[in-house]
Amino acid sequence: MDAVVHPDLASFDALAHDRLAADPVRNTVALTALDRARRLPDPDLPPTLLTFHDRGELVGTLIRTPPWPAQVADLPLEAVDLAVTALRKADPDITGVTGPHERSEAFATAWDERHRVTMSSRLYRLGALEPPPVTGSSRMATNDDVELLAAWRTAFSREAVPDAPVLSATELVRSSLRLGNGHALWEVDGIPVAWAAASVPMAGMTRVAPVYTPPEHRRHGYGAAVTAVISRWALDRGATDVLLFADLANPTSNSIYRRIGFLAVEDWTEHSWKP
């Protein structure tokens, strides 16, 4: 088996785009990350892009869009050692990996036996959407809401993903709106009480993230309601696979998503070997 490190997205896409798009559920993270890299490139943080070939046949891929972990959803287990060797040369600064449990665990162990699990999550796919009966109404957020959403994004990151790279929440929200991603707000008496975002559909797939309800507004069903709204937004734009990840350490969110129609697909794990 051979590994090829690609110098740019054009080279990688020519070989791997159709492969990734053929399984948009498994490759959800790679597809959205690469879409962002194409449309909002950062020349200071180019992606790391690898393909794996067995006797001339493309059998897998691995990508990393700094400063995020390496993504190994499409990495064959038999290519793990080859991938580690190639990445130690091409991208030695990586500090983590994410993907379906077996693949991410194998990669993390091969890279550094001292790795630790920083997130265990379950990937869900929407079946039949069942919006909950909840007091209030929804609207789509605009640039006028950036300040609020940035504050909520910061609060979400601190609570749900404290090990994630620290980035400008304001720029994350603004760039997401520029990409055409949907941002839904749930309001009660004109006051925003919950927020959910979703990527613009690609290859029939959209992924919902983040979903956030401030602590003072929880236990009223607002998070479920706004998740249903943004899921409907995605369906209306042609999505056939509406996905989301739920933290396995949060049984409440998992039960909420199941109640509105999401079905479990597979478990993912993120590992880190940061000091």
Protein backbone atom coordinates (compact mmCIF):
# COMPACT_ATOMS: atom_id res chain seq x y z
CA MET A 1 0.00 0.00 0.00
CA ASP A 2 1.17 3.54 -0.77
CA ALA A 3 0.40 6.93 0.75
CA VAL A 4 0.31 10.10 -1.34
CA VAL A 5 0.56 13.52 0.29
CA HIS A 6 -1.19 16.04 -1.95
CA PRO A 7 0.20 19.55 -2.43
CA ASP A 8 -3.21 21.20 -2.77
CA LEU A 9 -6.95 20.64 -2.77
CA ALA A 10 -7.17 20.44 -6.55
CA SER A 11 -4.85 17.43 -6.60
CA PHE A 12 -6.69 15.75 -3.72
CA ASP A 13 -10.16 16.45 -5.13
CA ALA A 14 -9.27 15.01 -8.50
CA LEU A 15 -8.76 11.64 -6.83
CA ALA A 16 -10.86 11.67 -3.68
CA HIS A 17 -13.87 13.99 -4.03
CA ASP A 18 -16.18 11.42 -5.60
CA ARG A 19 -15.14 8.77 -3.10
CA LEU A 20 -15.97 10.99 -0.12
CA ALA A 21 -19.24 12.18 -1.64
CA ALA A 22 -20.36 8.60 -2.27
CA ASP A 23 -20.66 8.05 1.51
CA PRO A 24 -21.62 11.47 2.91
CA VAL A 25 -22.76 10.07 6.26
CA ARG A 26 -19.45 8.41 7.12
CA ASN A 27 -17.50 11.33 5.61
CA THR A 28 -19.60 14.17 7.01
CA VAL A 29 -16.76 15.89 8.87
CA ALA A 30 -14.34 15.69 5.95
CA LEU A 31 -16.90 17.00 3.46
CA THR A 32 -17.82 20.06 5.51
CA ALA A 33 -14.21 20.82 6.44
CA LEU A 34 -13.05 20.59 2.83
CA ASP A 35 -15.96 22.71 1.62
CA ARG A 36 -14.89 25.44 4.01
CA ALA A 37 -11.25 25.11 2.93
CA ARG A 38 -12.27 25.53 -0.72
CA ARG A 39 -14.56 28.52 -0.26
CA LEU A 40 -12.79 30.31 2.60
CA PRO A 41 -9.15 29.25 2.26
CA ASP A 42 -6.60 30.28 4.87
CA PRO A 43 -3.17 30.52 3.22
CA ASP A 44 -1.53 30.38 6.64
CA LEU A 45 -3.21 27.08 7.54
CA PRO A 46 -3.37 24.86 4.46
CA PRO A 47 -5.02 21.46 4.86
CA THR A 48 -3.07 18.23 5.08
CA LEU A 49 -4.42 15.81 2.48
CA LEU A 50 -3.50 12.15 2.03
CA THR A 51 -4.79 9.37 -0.18
CA PHE A 52 -3.99 5.67 0.16
CA HIS A 53 -3.59 3.31 -2.76
CA ASP A 54 -3.36 -0.45 -3.05
CA ARG A 55 -1.98 -1.65 -6.39
CA GLY A 56 -3.13 1.56 -8.01
CA GLU A 57 -6.62 1.53 -6.49
CA LEU A 58 -7.76 4.34 -4.18
CA VAL A 59 -8.70 2.67 -0.89
CA GLY A 60 -8.81 5.52 1.64
CA THR A 61 -8.14 9.10 2.63
CA LEU A 62 -7.07 11.17 5.62
CA ILE A 63 -7.36 14.92 6.03
CA ARG A 64 -6.58 17.58 8.58
CA THR A 65 -7.65 21.21 8.46
CA PRO A 66 -5.53 23.00 11.08
CA PRO A 67 -5.94 23.64 13.92
CA TRP A 68 -8.40 20.72 14.13
CA PRO A 69 -7.54 17.04 14.69
CA ALA A 70 -6.80 14.60 11.90
CA GLN A 71 -9.91 12.95 10.47
CA VAL A 72 -9.74 9.20 9.90
CA ALA A 73 -13.30 8.18 9.01
CA ASP A 74 -12.09 7.01 5.59
CA LEU A 75 -8.78 5.52 6.73
CA PRO A 76 -8.55 1.71 6.36
CA LEU A 77 -7.31 0.02 9.52
CA GLU A 78 -4.57 -1.71 7.55
CA ALA A 79 -3.24 1.73 6.53
CA VAL A 80 -2.91 3.15 10.06
CA ASP A 81 0.84 2.58 10.44
CA LEU A 82 1.47 3.93 6.95
CA ALA A 83 -0.63 6.99 7.74
CA VAL A 84 1.27 7.69 10.96
CA THR A 85 4.61 7.43 9.17
CA ALA A 86 3.47 9.75 6.38
CA LEU A 87 1.96 12.30 8.78
CA ARG A 88 5.02 12.45 11.01
CA LYS A 89 6.79 13.90 7.97
CA ALA A 90 3.96 15.91 6.40
CA ASP A 91 2.25 17.29 9.52
CA PRO A 92 4.21 16.52 12.69
CA ASP A 93 2.36 19.15 14.73
CA ILE A 94 -0.98 17.35 14.90
CA THR A 95 -2.16 16.89 18.47
CA GLY A 96 -5.25 14.75 18.01
CA VAL A 97 -7.44 12.54 15.87
CA THR A 98 -11.18 12.03 15.44
CA GLY A 99 -13.29 9.44 13.69
CA PRO A 100 -15.26 6.23 14.18
CA HIS A 101 -14.10 4.61 17.40
CA GLU A 102 -12.07 1.69 16.07
CA ARG A 103 -10.20 3.79 13.52
CA SER A 104 -9.46 6.76 15.77
CA GLU A 105 -8.36 4.49 18.62
CA ALA A 106 -6.00 2.59 16.32
CA PHE A 107 -4.48 5.77 14.94
CA ALA A 108 -4.08 7.42 18.36
CA THR A 109 -2.40 4.33 19.80
CA ALA A 110 0.00 4.10 16.88
CA TRP A 111 0.86 7.81 17.16
CA ASP A 112 1.30 8.07 20.93
CA GLU A 113 0.36 5.42 23.50
CA ARG A 114 -0.12 8.20 26.05
CA HIS A 115 -3.16 9.56 24.22
CA ARG A 116 -6.34 10.38 26.11
CA VAL A 117 -9.97 10.44 25.03
CA THR A 118 -11.30 14.00 24.87
CA MET A 119 -14.75 13.28 23.43
CA SER A 120 -16.97 10.26 22.88
CA SER A 121 -19.95 11.01 20.69
CA ARG A 122 -22.70 9.29 18.73
CA LEU A 123 -23.45 10.14 15.13
CA TYR A 124 -27.19 10.36 14.41
CA ARG A 125 -29.12 10.51 11.14
CA LEU A 126 -32.62 11.95 10.92
CA GLY A 127 -35.41 9.49 10.18
CA ALA A 128 -38.93 10.93 10.28
CA LEU A 129 -38.83 14.43 11.77
CA GLU A 130 -41.19 14.89 14.72
CA PRO A 131 -41.19 18.56 15.82
CA PRO A 132 -42.09 18.85 19.52
CA PRO A 133 -44.99 20.98 20.78
CA VAL A 134 -43.08 23.79 22.50
CA THR A 135 -44.08 27.32 23.45
CA GLY A 136 -42.53 29.97 21.22
CA SER A 137 -41.61 30.49 17.59
CA SER A 138 -38.59 30.38 15.33
CA ARG A 139 -36.75 32.68 12.97
CA MET A 140 -33.56 32.46 10.97
CA ALA A 141 -30.63 34.45 12.31
CA THR A 142 -28.93 37.17 10.28
CA ASN A 143 -25.79 39.27 10.56
CA ASP A 144 -27.66 41.40 13.09
CA ASP A 145 -27.47 38.42 15.47
CA VAL A 146 -23.72 37.85 15.24
CA GLU A 147 -22.93 39.36 18.64
CA LEU A 148 -25.47 37.12 20.40
CA LEU A 149 -24.45 34.00 18.50
CA ALA A 150 -20.75 34.64 19.13
CA ALA A 151 -21.41 34.89 22.87
CA TRP A 152 -23.42 31.68 22.77
CA ARG A 153 -20.76 29.97 20.64
CA THR A 154 -18.14 30.84 23.25
CA ALA A 155 -20.34 29.54 26.06
CA PHE A 156 -21.08 26.35 24.11
CA SER A 157 -17.38 25.68 23.48
CA ARG A 158 -16.44 26.21 27.12
CA GLU A 159 -19.14 23.83 28.29
CA ALA A 160 -19.27 21.15 25.60
CA VAL A 161 -15.85 21.07 23.93
CA PRO A 162 -13.31 22.62 26.32
CA ASP A 163 -10.42 20.86 24.55
CA ALA A 164 -11.27 22.36 21.14
CA PRO A 165 -8.92 24.94 19.58
CA VAL A 166 -9.61 28.47 20.81
CA LEU A 167 -10.79 30.50 17.82
CA SER A 168 -12.62 33.79 17.37
CA ALA A 169 -16.30 33.00 17.94
CA THR A 170 -17.30 36.15 16.08
CA GLU A 171 -15.33 35.15 13.00
CA LEU A 172 -16.65 31.59 13.17
CA VAL A 173 -20.24 32.86 13.12
CA ARG A 174 -19.63 35.46 10.42
CA SER A 175 -17.83 32.98 8.17
CA SER A 176 -20.57 30.39 8.69
CA LEU A 177 -23.18 32.90 7.54
CA ARG A 178 -21.03 33.77 4.52
CA LEU A 179 -20.91 30.09 3.59
CA GLY A 180 -24.71 30.01 3.51
CA ASN A 181 -25.10 27.80 6.56
CA GLY A 182 -28.41 28.04 8.38
CA HIS A 183 -28.76 29.50 11.87
CA ALA A 184 -32.11 29.16 13.60
CA LEU A 185 -33.23 30.88 16.78
CA TRP A 186 -36.11 29.86 19.02
CA GLU A 187 -37.80 32.79 20.72
CA VAL A 188 -40.33 33.20 23.51
CA ASP A 189 -42.04 36.58 23.69
CA GLY A 190 -39.45 37.94 21.29
CA ILE A 191 -36.50 36.82 23.42
CA PRO A 192 -34.01 34.30 21.90
CA VAL A 193 -33.80 31.23 24.12
CA ALA A 194 -32.04 28.61 21.93
CA TRP A 195 -29.93 28.32 18.78
CA ALA A 196 -29.06 25.63 16.27
CA ALA A 197 -26.94 25.82 13.13
CA ALA A 198 -26.56 23.49 10.15
CA SER A 199 -24.20 23.28 7.21
CA VAL A 200 -25.48 24.01 3.74
CA PRO A 201 -26.34 20.65 2.11
CA MET A 202 -23.62 18.98 0.04
CA ALA A 203 -23.77 15.53 -1.52
CA GLY A 204 -27.24 15.40 0.02
CA MET A 205 -25.81 15.77 3.54
CA THR A 206 -26.08 18.48 6.16
CA ARG A 207 -24.81 18.39 9.74
CA VAL A 208 -26.44 20.18 12.63
CA ALA A 209 -23.99 21.92 14.98
CA PRO A 210 -23.89 23.55 17.36
CA VAL A 211 -27.12 23.33 19.34
CA TYR A 212 -27.14 25.59 22.38
CA THR A 213 -29.61 26.66 25.06
CA PRO A 214 -28.39 29.01 27.80
CA PRO A 215 -28.67 27.43 31.27
CA GLU A 216 -31.47 29.74 32.38
CA HIS A 217 -33.67 28.59 29.49
CA ARG A 218 -33.14 24.83 29.74
CA ARG A 219 -35.69 22.09 30.53
CA HIS A 220 -38.43 23.69 28.42
CA GLY A 221 -37.82 21.83 25.16
CA TYR A 222 -36.36 24.83 23.33
CA GLY A 223 -33.26 22.93 22.19
CA ALA A 224 -35.39 20.17 20.68
CA ALA A 225 -37.64 22.72 19.01
CA VAL A 226 -34.82 24.69 17.40
CA THR A 227 -33.09 21.49 16.29
CA ALA A 228 -36.29 20.46 14.52
CA VAL A 229 -36.48 23.88 12.86
CA ILE A 230 -32.95 23.77 11.48
CA SER A 231 -33.48 20.17 10.38
CA ARG A 232 -36.54 21.26 8.41
CA TRP A 233 -34.47 24.10 6.92
CA ALA A 234 -31.97 21.51 5.66
CA LEU A 235 -34.65 19.18 4.30
CA ASP A 236 -36.27 22.07 2.43
CA ARG A 237 -32.92 22.72 0.75
CA GLY A 238 -32.61 19.19 -0.55
CA ALA A 239 -30.78 17.39 2.22
CA THR A 240 -31.44 13.65 2.34
CA ASP A 241 -29.04 12.95 5.22
CA VAL A 242 -29.49 15.31 8.18
CA LEU A 243 -26.84 14.42 10.75
CA LEU A 244 -25.66 15.49 14.16
CA PHE A 245 -23.25 14.36 16.85
CA ALA A 246 -24.29 14.03 20.48
CA ASP A 247 -21.92 13.78 23.42
CA LEU A 248 -22.31 10.32 24.96
CA ALA A 249 -21.63 11.89 28.36
CA ASN A 250 -24.87 13.88 27.98
CA PRO A 251 -27.79 11.43 28.08
CA THR A 252 -30.30 14.29 28.00
CA SER A 253 -29.26 15.54 24.57
CA ASN A 254 -29.17 11.99 23.19
CA SER A 255 -32.73 11.31 24.37
CA ILE A 256 -33.96 14.64 23.00
CA TYR A 257 -32.58 13.96 19.53
CA ARG A 258 -34.09 10.48 19.47
CA ARG A 259 -37.49 11.89 20.41
CA ILE A 260 -37.57 14.22 17.41
CA GLY A 261 -36.61 11.49 14.96
CA PHE A 262 -32.84 11.01 14.96
CA LEU A 263 -31.50 7.46 14.73
CA ALA A 264 -28.07 6.27 15.89
CA VAL A 265 -25.51 5.49 13.17
CA GLU A 266 -22.15 4.87 14.90
CA ASP A 267 -19.95 6.05 17.74
CA TRP A 268 -16.98 8.36 17.25
CA THR A 269 -14.07 9.13 19.54
CA GLU A 270 -11.67 12.04 19.64
CA HIS A 271 -8.20 11.47 21.10
CA SER A 272 -5.50 13.94 22.06
CA TRP A 273 -1.84 13.65 22.95
CA LYS A 274 -1.38 17.28 23.92
CA PRO A 275 0.66 17.76 27.11
